[in-house]
């Protein structure tokens, strides 16, 4: 753990490298078609978020879902 970045999460490691190298853009790829208000697999009321212009735009989103493919999930991408 460095700060609040988990070093077992490749999204967190990528953000540290991007910041250390002075990058102006970090693009994280996913097999999910967007950020949702909740897990669309378990919550039928989940809707896709169209715009997130600041970190505060994610404050009310639920990133507690689990994944069999990785550790970080959408919360680490945001």
PDB file of N, CA and C in Angstrom:
ATOM      1  N   UNK A   1       0.845  -1.171   0.000  1.00  0.00           N
ATOM      2  CA  UNK A   1       0.000   0.000   0.000  1.00  0.00           C
ATOM      3  C   UNK A   1       0.896   1.241   0.000  1.00  0.00           C
ATOM      4  N   UNK A   2       0.692   2.124  -0.964  1.00  0.00           N
ATOM      5  CA  UNK A   2       1.398   3.404  -1.037  1.00  0.00           C
ATOM      6  C   UNK A   2       0.330   4.479  -1.000  1.00  0.00           C
ATOM      7  N   UNK A   3       0.319   5.297   0.064  1.00  0.00           N
ATOM      8  CA  UNK A   3      -0.786   6.233   0.236  1.00  0.00           C
ATOM      9  C   UNK A   3      -2.061   5.423   0.374  1.00  0.00           C
ATOM     10  N   UNK A   4      -3.043   5.674  -0.476  1.00  0.00           N
ATOM     11  CA  UNK A   4      -4.244   4.841  -0.470  1.00  0.00           C
ATOM     12  C   UNK A   4      -4.360   4.056  -1.769  1.00  0.00           C
ATOM     13  N   UNK A   5      -3.214   3.719  -2.378  1.00  0.00           N
ATOM     14  CA  UNK A   5      -3.185   2.912  -3.595  1.00  0.00           C
ATOM     15  C   UNK A   5      -2.706   1.513  -3.246  1.00  0.00           C
ATOM     16  N   UNK A   6      -3.519   0.522  -3.557  1.00  0.00           N
ATOM     17  CA  UNK A   6      -3.183  -0.871  -3.305  1.00  0.00           C
ATOM     18  C   UNK A   6      -2.253  -1.353  -4.412  1.00  0.00           C
ATOM     19  N   UNK A   7      -1.065  -1.786  -4.047  1.00  0.00           N
ATOM     20  CA  UNK A   7      -0.081  -2.189  -5.047  1.00  0.00           C
ATOM     21  C   UNK A   7      -0.375  -3.545  -5.676  1.00  0.00           C
ATOM     22  N   UNK A   8      -1.437  -4.225  -5.263  1.00  0.00           N
ATOM     23  CA  UNK A   8      -1.841  -5.451  -5.937  1.00  0.00           C
ATOM     24  C   UNK A   8      -2.893  -5.161  -6.997  1.00  0.00           C
ATOM     25  N   UNK A   9      -3.249  -3.913  -7.162  1.00  0.00           N
ATOM     26  CA  UNK A   9      -4.257  -3.495  -8.139  1.00  0.00           C
ATOM     27  C   UNK A   9      -3.546  -2.778  -9.288  1.00  0.00           C
ATOM     28  N   UNK A  10      -3.581  -3.351 -10.495  1.00  0.00           N
ATOM     29  CA  UNK A  10      -2.819  -2.769 -11.601  1.00  0.00           C
ATOM     30  C   UNK A  10      -3.326  -1.387 -12.013  1.00  0.00           C
ATOM     31  N   UNK A  11      -4.595  -1.051 -11.737  1.00  0.00           N
ATOM     32  CA  UNK A  11      -5.080   0.302 -12.023  1.00  0.00           C
ATOM     33  C   UNK A  11      -4.368   1.322 -11.129  1.00  0.00           C
ATOM     34  N   UNK A  12      -4.190   0.972  -9.865  1.00  0.00           N
ATOM     35  CA  UNK A  12      -3.484   1.851  -8.931  1.00  0.00           C
ATOM     36  C   UNK A  12      -2.022   2.012  -9.300  1.00  0.00           C
ATOM     37  N   UNK A  13      -1.392   0.920  -9.679  1.00  0.00           N
ATOM     38  CA  UNK A  13       0.015   0.981 -10.106  1.00  0.00           C
ATOM     39  C   UNK A  13       0.153   1.849 -11.353  1.00  0.00           C
ATOM     40  N   UNK A  14      -0.778   1.692 -12.295  1.00  0.00           N
ATOM     41  CA  UNK A  14      -0.739   2.512 -13.515  1.00  0.00           C
ATOM     42  C   UNK A  14      -0.880   3.992 -13.183  1.00  0.00           C
ATOM     43  N   UNK A  15      -1.738   4.325 -12.211  1.00  0.00           N
ATOM     44  CA  UNK A  15      -1.906   5.737 -11.848  1.00  0.00           C
ATOM     45  C   UNK A  15      -0.651   6.306 -11.214  1.00  0.00           C
ATOM     46  N   UNK A  16       0.034   5.505 -10.400  1.00  0.00           N
ATOM     47  CA  UNK A  16       1.294   5.965  -9.804  1.00  0.00           C
ATOM     48  C   UNK A  16       2.355   6.211 -10.872  1.00  0.00           C
ATOM     49  N   UNK A  17       2.449   5.304 -11.832  1.00  0.00           N
ATOM     50  CA  UNK A  17       3.431   5.452 -12.908  1.00  0.00           C
ATOM     51  C   UNK A  17       3.101   6.668 -13.770  1.00  0.00           C
ATOM     52  N   UNK A  18       1.820   6.854 -14.075  1.00  0.00           N
ATOM     53  CA  UNK A  18       1.412   8.009 -14.885  1.00  0.00           C
ATOM     54  C   UNK A  18       1.756   9.318 -14.174  1.00  0.00           C
ATOM     55  N   UNK A  19       1.480   9.379 -12.873  1.00  0.00           N
ATOM     56  CA  UNK A  19       1.779  10.596 -12.115  1.00  0.00           C
ATOM     57  C   UNK A  19       3.283  10.834 -12.024  1.00  0.00           C
ATOM     58  N   UNK A  20       4.048   9.781 -11.775  1.00  0.00           N
ATOM     59  CA  UNK A  20       5.499   9.920 -11.634  1.00  0.00           C
ATOM     60  C   UNK A  20       6.177  10.314 -12.942  1.00  0.00           C
ATOM     61  N   UNK A  21       5.579   9.902 -14.064  1.00  0.00           N
ATOM     62  CA  UNK A  21       6.192  10.204 -15.356  1.00  0.00           C
ATOM     63  C   UNK A  21       5.678  11.512 -15.962  1.00  0.00           C
ATOM     64  N   UNK A  22       4.772  12.178 -15.249  1.00  0.00           N
ATOM     65  CA  UNK A  22       4.255  13.457 -15.746  1.00  0.00           C
ATOM     66  C   UNK A  22       3.241  13.314 -16.863  1.00  0.00           C
ATOM     67  N   UNK A  23       2.631  12.150 -16.984  1.00  0.00           N
ATOM     68  CA  UNK A  23       1.643  11.926 -18.052  1.00  0.00           C
ATOM     69  C   UNK A  23       0.446  12.856 -17.892  1.00  0.00           C
ATOM     70  N   UNK A  24      -0.106  13.273 -18.997  1.00  0.00           N
ATOM     71  CA  UNK A  24      -1.296  14.106 -18.978  1.00  0.00           C
ATOM     72  C   UNK A  24      -2.567  13.280 -19.145  1.00  0.00           C
ATOM     73  N   UNK A  25      -2.421  12.013 -19.493  1.00  0.00           N
ATOM     74  CA  UNK A  25      -3.585  11.164 -19.718  1.00  0.00           C
ATOM     75  C   UNK A  25      -3.257   9.737 -19.323  1.00  0.00           C
ATOM     76  N   UNK A  26      -4.186   9.094 -18.628  1.00  0.00           N
ATOM     77  CA  UNK A  26      -4.094   7.670 -18.320  1.00  0.00           C
ATOM     78  C   UNK A  26      -5.411   7.045 -18.755  1.00  0.00           C
ATOM     79  N   UNK A  27      -5.337   6.084 -19.649  1.00  0.00           N
ATOM     80  CA  UNK A  27      -6.536   5.421 -20.137  1.00  0.00           C
ATOM     81  C   UNK A  27      -6.558   3.999 -19.584  1.00  0.00           C
ATOM     82  N   UNK A  28      -7.591   3.684 -18.815  1.00  0.00           N
ATOM     83  CA  UNK A  28      -7.754   2.350 -18.246  1.00  0.00           C
ATOM     84  C   UNK A  28      -8.865   1.641 -19.017  1.00  0.00           C
ATOM     85  N   UNK A  29      -8.569   0.456 -19.490  1.00  0.00           N
ATOM     86  CA  UNK A  29      -9.517  -0.294 -20.310  1.00  0.00           C
ATOM     87  C   UNK A  29     -10.300  -1.283 -19.440  1.00  0.00           C
ATOM     88  N   UNK A  30     -11.499  -1.612 -19.900  1.00  0.00           N
ATOM     89  CA  UNK A  30     -12.359  -2.540 -19.176  1.00  0.00           C
ATOM     90  C   UNK A  30     -13.259  -3.266 -20.157  1.00  0.00           C
ATOM     91  N   UNK A  31     -13.821  -4.378 -19.716  1.00  0.00           N
ATOM     92  CA  UNK A  31     -14.799  -5.079 -20.551  1.00  0.00           C
ATOM     93  C   UNK A  31     -16.226  -4.687 -20.174  1.00  0.00           C
ATOM     94  N   UNK A  32     -16.362  -3.652 -19.368  1.00  0.00           N
ATOM     95  CA  UNK A  32     -17.661  -3.122 -18.966  1.00  0.00           C
ATOM     96  C   UNK A  32     -17.933  -1.887 -19.811  1.00  0.00           C
ATOM     97  N   UNK A  33     -19.177  -1.694 -20.238  1.00  0.00           N
ATOM     98  CA  UNK A  33     -19.479  -0.610 -21.179  1.00  0.00           C
ATOM     99  C   UNK A  33     -19.691   0.750 -20.530  1.00  0.00           C
ATOM    100  N   UNK A  34     -19.305   0.919 -19.281  1.00  0.00           N
ATOM    101  CA  UNK A  34     -19.407   2.217 -18.646  1.00  0.00           C
ATOM    102  C   UNK A  34     -19.442   2.116 -17.131  1.00  0.00           C
ATOM    103  N   UNK A  35     -19.587   3.267 -16.487  1.00  0.00           N
ATOM    104  CA  UNK A  35     -19.739   3.343 -15.041  1.00  0.00           C
ATOM    105  C   UNK A  35     -21.233   3.393 -14.750  1.00  0.00           C
ATOM    106  N   UNK A  36     -21.674   2.597 -13.791  1.00  0.00           N
ATOM    107  CA  UNK A  36     -23.098   2.520 -13.451  1.00  0.00           C
ATOM    108  C   UNK A  36     -23.335   3.009 -12.035  1.00  0.00           C
ATOM    109  N   UNK A  37     -24.561   3.399 -11.750  1.00  0.00           N
ATOM    110  CA  UNK A  37     -24.942   3.855 -10.419  1.00  0.00           C
ATOM    111  C   UNK A  37     -24.932   2.719  -9.408  1.00  0.00           C
ATOM    112  N   UNK A  38     -25.003   1.493  -9.875  1.00  0.00           N
ATOM    113  CA  UNK A  38     -24.929   0.277  -9.053  1.00  0.00           C
ATOM    114  C   UNK A  38     -24.533  -0.860  -9.978  1.00  0.00           C
ATOM    115  N   UNK A  39     -24.394  -2.054  -9.440  1.00  0.00           N
ATOM    116  CA  UNK A  39     -24.034  -3.206 -10.261  1.00  0.00           C
ATOM    117  C   UNK A  39     -25.220  -3.597 -11.128  1.00  0.00           C
ATOM    118  N   UNK A  40     -25.131  -3.426 -12.451  1.00  0.00           N
ATOM    119  CA  UNK A  40     -26.273  -3.732 -13.322  1.00  0.00           C
ATOM    120  C   UNK A  40     -26.617  -5.221 -13.375  1.00  0.00           C
ATOM    121  N   UNK A  41     -25.709  -6.080 -12.914  1.00  0.00           N
ATOM    122  CA  UNK A  41     -25.991  -7.512 -12.879  1.00  0.00           C
ATOM    123  C   UNK A  41     -26.902  -7.895 -11.719  1.00  0.00           C
ATOM    124  N   UNK A  42     -26.929  -7.064 -10.682  1.00  0.00           N
ATOM    125  CA  UNK A  42     -27.735  -7.376  -9.505  1.00  0.00           C
ATOM    126  C   UNK A  42     -28.798  -6.341  -9.191  1.00  0.00           C
ATOM    127  N   UNK A  43     -28.713  -5.164  -9.782  1.00  0.00           N
ATOM    128  CA  UNK A  43     -29.669  -4.088  -9.502  1.00  0.00           C
ATOM    129  C   UNK A  43     -30.338  -3.635 -10.794  1.00  0.00           C
ATOM    130  N   UNK A  44     -31.616  -3.992 -10.975  1.00  0.00           N
ATOM    131  CA  UNK A  44     -32.304  -3.630 -12.219  1.00  0.00           C
ATOM    132  C   UNK A  44     -32.530  -2.124 -12.394  1.00  0.00           C
ATOM    133  N   UNK A  45     -32.330  -1.342 -11.332  1.00  0.00           N
ATOM    134  CA  UNK A  45     -32.509   0.113 -11.447  1.00  0.00           C
ATOM    135  C   UNK A  45     -31.205   0.827 -11.794  1.00  0.00           C
ATOM    136  N   UNK A  46     -30.106   0.072 -11.925  1.00  0.00           N
ATOM    137  CA  UNK A  46     -28.803   0.674 -12.236  1.00  0.00           C
ATOM    138  C   UNK A  46     -28.859   1.356 -13.594  1.00  0.00           C
ATOM    139  N   UNK A  47     -28.301   2.547 -13.660  1.00  0.00           N
ATOM    140  CA  UNK A  47     -28.235   3.277 -14.927  1.00  0.00           C
ATOM    141  C   UNK A  47     -26.787   3.677 -15.195  1.00  0.00           C
ATOM    142  N   UNK A  48     -26.467   3.799 -16.469  1.00  0.00           N
ATOM    143  CA  UNK A  48     -25.112   4.183 -16.845  1.00  0.00           C
ATOM    144  C   UNK A  48     -24.932   5.673 -16.638  1.00  0.00           C
ATOM    145  N   UNK A  49     -23.796   6.049 -16.070  1.00  0.00           N
ATOM    146  CA  UNK A  49     -23.458   7.451 -15.837  1.00  0.00           C
ATOM    147  C   UNK A  49     -22.885   8.006 -17.130  1.00  0.00           C
ATOM    148  N   UNK A  50     -23.478   9.052 -17.648  1.00  0.00           N
ATOM    149  CA  UNK A  50     -23.048   9.617 -18.937  1.00  0.00           C
ATOM    150  C   UNK A  50     -21.824  10.507 -18.816  1.00  0.00           C
ATOM    151  N   UNK A  51     -21.759  11.337 -17.765  1.00  0.00           N
ATOM    152  CA  UNK A  51     -20.639  12.272 -17.613  1.00  0.00           C
ATOM    153  C   UNK A  51     -20.171  12.301 -16.171  1.00  0.00           C
ATOM    154  N   UNK A  52     -18.867  12.234 -15.992  1.00  0.00           N
ATOM    155  CA  UNK A  52     -18.246  12.437 -14.688  1.00  0.00           C
ATOM    156  C   UNK A  52     -17.145  13.468 -14.912  1.00  0.00           C
ATOM    157  N   UNK A  53     -17.412  14.673 -14.478  1.00  0.00           N
ATOM    158  CA  UNK A  53     -16.496  15.771 -14.761  1.00  0.00           C
ATOM    159  C   UNK A  53     -15.520  16.057 -13.626  1.00  0.00           C
ATOM    160  N   UNK A  54     -15.807  15.508 -12.436  1.00  0.00           N
ATOM    161  CA  UNK A  54     -14.903  15.704 -11.309  1.00  0.00           C
ATOM    162  C   UNK A  54     -14.989  14.482 -10.402  1.00  0.00           C
ATOM    163  N   UNK A  55     -14.004  14.286  -9.526  1.00  0.00           N
ATOM    164  CA  UNK A  55     -14.050  13.137  -8.614  1.00  0.00           C
ATOM    165  C   UNK A  55     -15.306  13.120  -7.740  1.00  0.00           C
ATOM    166  N   UNK A  56     -15.825  14.287  -7.422  1.00  0.00           N
ATOM    167  CA  UNK A  56     -17.022  14.367  -6.584  1.00  0.00           C
ATOM    168  C   UNK A  56     -18.239  13.745  -7.264  1.00  0.00           C
ATOM    169  N   UNK A  57     -18.227  13.660  -8.591  1.00  0.00           N
ATOM    170  CA  UNK A  57     -19.352  13.069  -9.319  1.00  0.00           C
ATOM    171  C   UNK A  57     -19.518  11.579  -9.008  1.00  0.00           C
ATOM    172  N   UNK A  58     -18.502  10.962  -8.435  1.00  0.00           N
ATOM    173  CA  UNK A  58     -18.581   9.529  -8.125  1.00  0.00           C
ATOM    174  C   UNK A  58     -18.934   9.253  -6.663  1.00  0.00           C
ATOM    175  N   UNK A  59     -19.146  10.300  -5.866  1.00  0.00           N
ATOM    176  CA  UNK A  59     -19.383  10.110  -4.433  1.00  0.00           C
ATOM    177  C   UNK A  59     -20.591   9.244  -4.114  1.00  0.00           C
ATOM    178  N   UNK A  60     -21.645   9.308  -4.898  1.00  0.00           N
ATOM    179  CA  UNK A  60     -22.870   8.569  -4.598  1.00  0.00           C
ATOM    180  C   UNK A  60     -22.957   7.226  -5.314  1.00  0.00           C
ATOM    181  N   UNK A  61     -21.894   6.808  -5.966  1.00  0.00           N
ATOM    182  CA  UNK A  61     -21.926   5.560  -6.718  1.00  0.00           C
ATOM    183  C   UNK A  61     -21.479   4.391  -5.839  1.00  0.00           C
ATOM    184  N   UNK A  62     -22.017   3.209  -6.109  1.00  0.00           N
ATOM    185  CA  UNK A  62     -21.711   2.007  -5.348  1.00  0.00           C
ATOM    186  C   UNK A  62     -20.663   1.187  -6.080  1.00  0.00           C
ATOM    187  N   UNK A  63     -19.448   1.123  -5.523  1.00  0.00           N
ATOM    188  CA  UNK A  63     -18.366   0.364  -6.144  1.00  0.00           C
ATOM    189  C   UNK A  63     -17.995  -0.859  -5.305  1.00  0.00           C
ATOM    190  N   UNK A  64     -18.979  -1.449  -4.635  1.00  0.00           N
ATOM    191  CA  UNK A  64     -18.690  -2.562  -3.740  1.00  0.00           C
ATOM    192  C   UNK A  64     -18.807  -3.919  -4.425  1.00  0.00           C
ATOM    193  N   UNK A  65     -19.151  -3.946  -5.690  1.00  0.00           N
ATOM    194  CA  UNK A  65     -19.284  -5.213  -6.410  1.00  0.00           C
ATOM    195  C   UNK A  65     -17.970  -5.962  -6.491  1.00  0.00           C
ATOM    196  N   UNK A  66     -18.069  -7.247  -6.747  1.00  0.00           N
ATOM    197  CA  UNK A  66     -16.869  -8.073  -6.856  1.00  0.00           C
ATOM    198  C   UNK A  66     -16.699  -8.536  -8.291  1.00  0.00           C
ATOM    199  N   UNK A  67     -15.496  -8.958  -8.591  1.00  0.00           N
ATOM    200  CA  UNK A  67     -15.181  -9.428  -9.932  1.00  0.00           C
ATOM    201  C   UNK A  67     -14.335 -10.678  -9.828  1.00  0.00           C
ATOM    202  N   UNK A  68     -14.546 -11.601 -10.728  1.00  0.00           N
ATOM    203  CA  UNK A  68     -13.697 -12.793 -10.774  1.00  0.00           C
ATOM    204  C   UNK A  68     -12.451 -12.545 -11.618  1.00  0.00           C
ATOM    205  N   UNK A  69     -12.420 -11.401 -12.327  1.00  0.00           N
ATOM    206  CA  UNK A  69     -11.318 -11.137 -13.253  1.00  0.00           C
ATOM    207  C   UNK A  69     -10.229 -10.253 -12.666  1.00  0.00           C
ATOM    208  N   UNK A  70     -10.481  -9.587 -11.564  1.00  0.00           N
ATOM    209  CA  UNK A  70      -9.463  -8.693 -11.024  1.00  0.00           C
ATOM    210  C   UNK A  70      -9.778  -8.236  -9.617  1.00  0.00           C
ATOM    211  N   UNK A  71      -8.919  -7.390  -9.067  1.00  0.00           N
ATOM    212  CA  UNK A  71      -9.064  -6.940  -7.693  1.00  0.00           C
ATOM    213  C   UNK A  71      -9.669  -5.558  -7.574  1.00  0.00           C
ATOM    214  N   UNK A  72      -9.347  -4.659  -8.499  1.00  0.00           N
ATOM    215  CA  UNK A  72      -9.687  -3.252  -8.322  1.00  0.00           C
ATOM    216  C   UNK A  72     -11.118  -2.899  -8.647  1.00  0.00           C
ATOM    217  N   UNK A  73     -11.626  -3.444  -9.725  1.00  0.00           N
ATOM    218  CA  UNK A  73     -12.991  -3.112 -10.113  1.00  0.00           C
ATOM    219  C   UNK A  73     -13.118  -1.679 -10.617  1.00  0.00           C
ATOM    220  N   UNK A  74     -14.349  -1.258 -10.784  1.00  0.00           N
ATOM    221  CA  UNK A  74     -14.613   0.075 -11.333  1.00  0.00           C
ATOM    222  C   UNK A  74     -14.190   1.172 -10.367  1.00  0.00           C
ATOM    223  N   UNK A  75     -14.267   0.919  -9.086  1.00  0.00           N
ATOM    224  CA  UNK A  75     -13.857   1.933  -8.107  1.00  0.00           C
ATOM    225  C   UNK A  75     -12.414   2.365  -8.270  1.00  0.00           C
ATOM    226  N   UNK A  76     -11.527   1.449  -8.591  1.00  0.00           N
ATOM    227  CA  UNK A  76     -10.127   1.831  -8.773  1.00  0.00           C
ATOM    228  C   UNK A  76      -9.910   2.565 -10.087  1.00  0.00           C
ATOM    229  N   UNK A  77     -10.743   2.321 -11.070  1.00  0.00           N
ATOM    230  CA  UNK A  77     -10.628   3.045 -12.340  1.00  0.00           C
ATOM    231  C   UNK A  77     -11.073   4.496 -12.182  1.00  0.00           C
ATOM    232  N   UNK A  78     -12.115   4.695 -11.414  1.00  0.00           N
ATOM    233  CA  UNK A  78     -12.613   6.047 -11.192  1.00  0.00           C
ATOM    234  C   UNK A  78     -11.628   6.789 -10.310  1.00  0.00           C
TER     235      UNK A  78
END
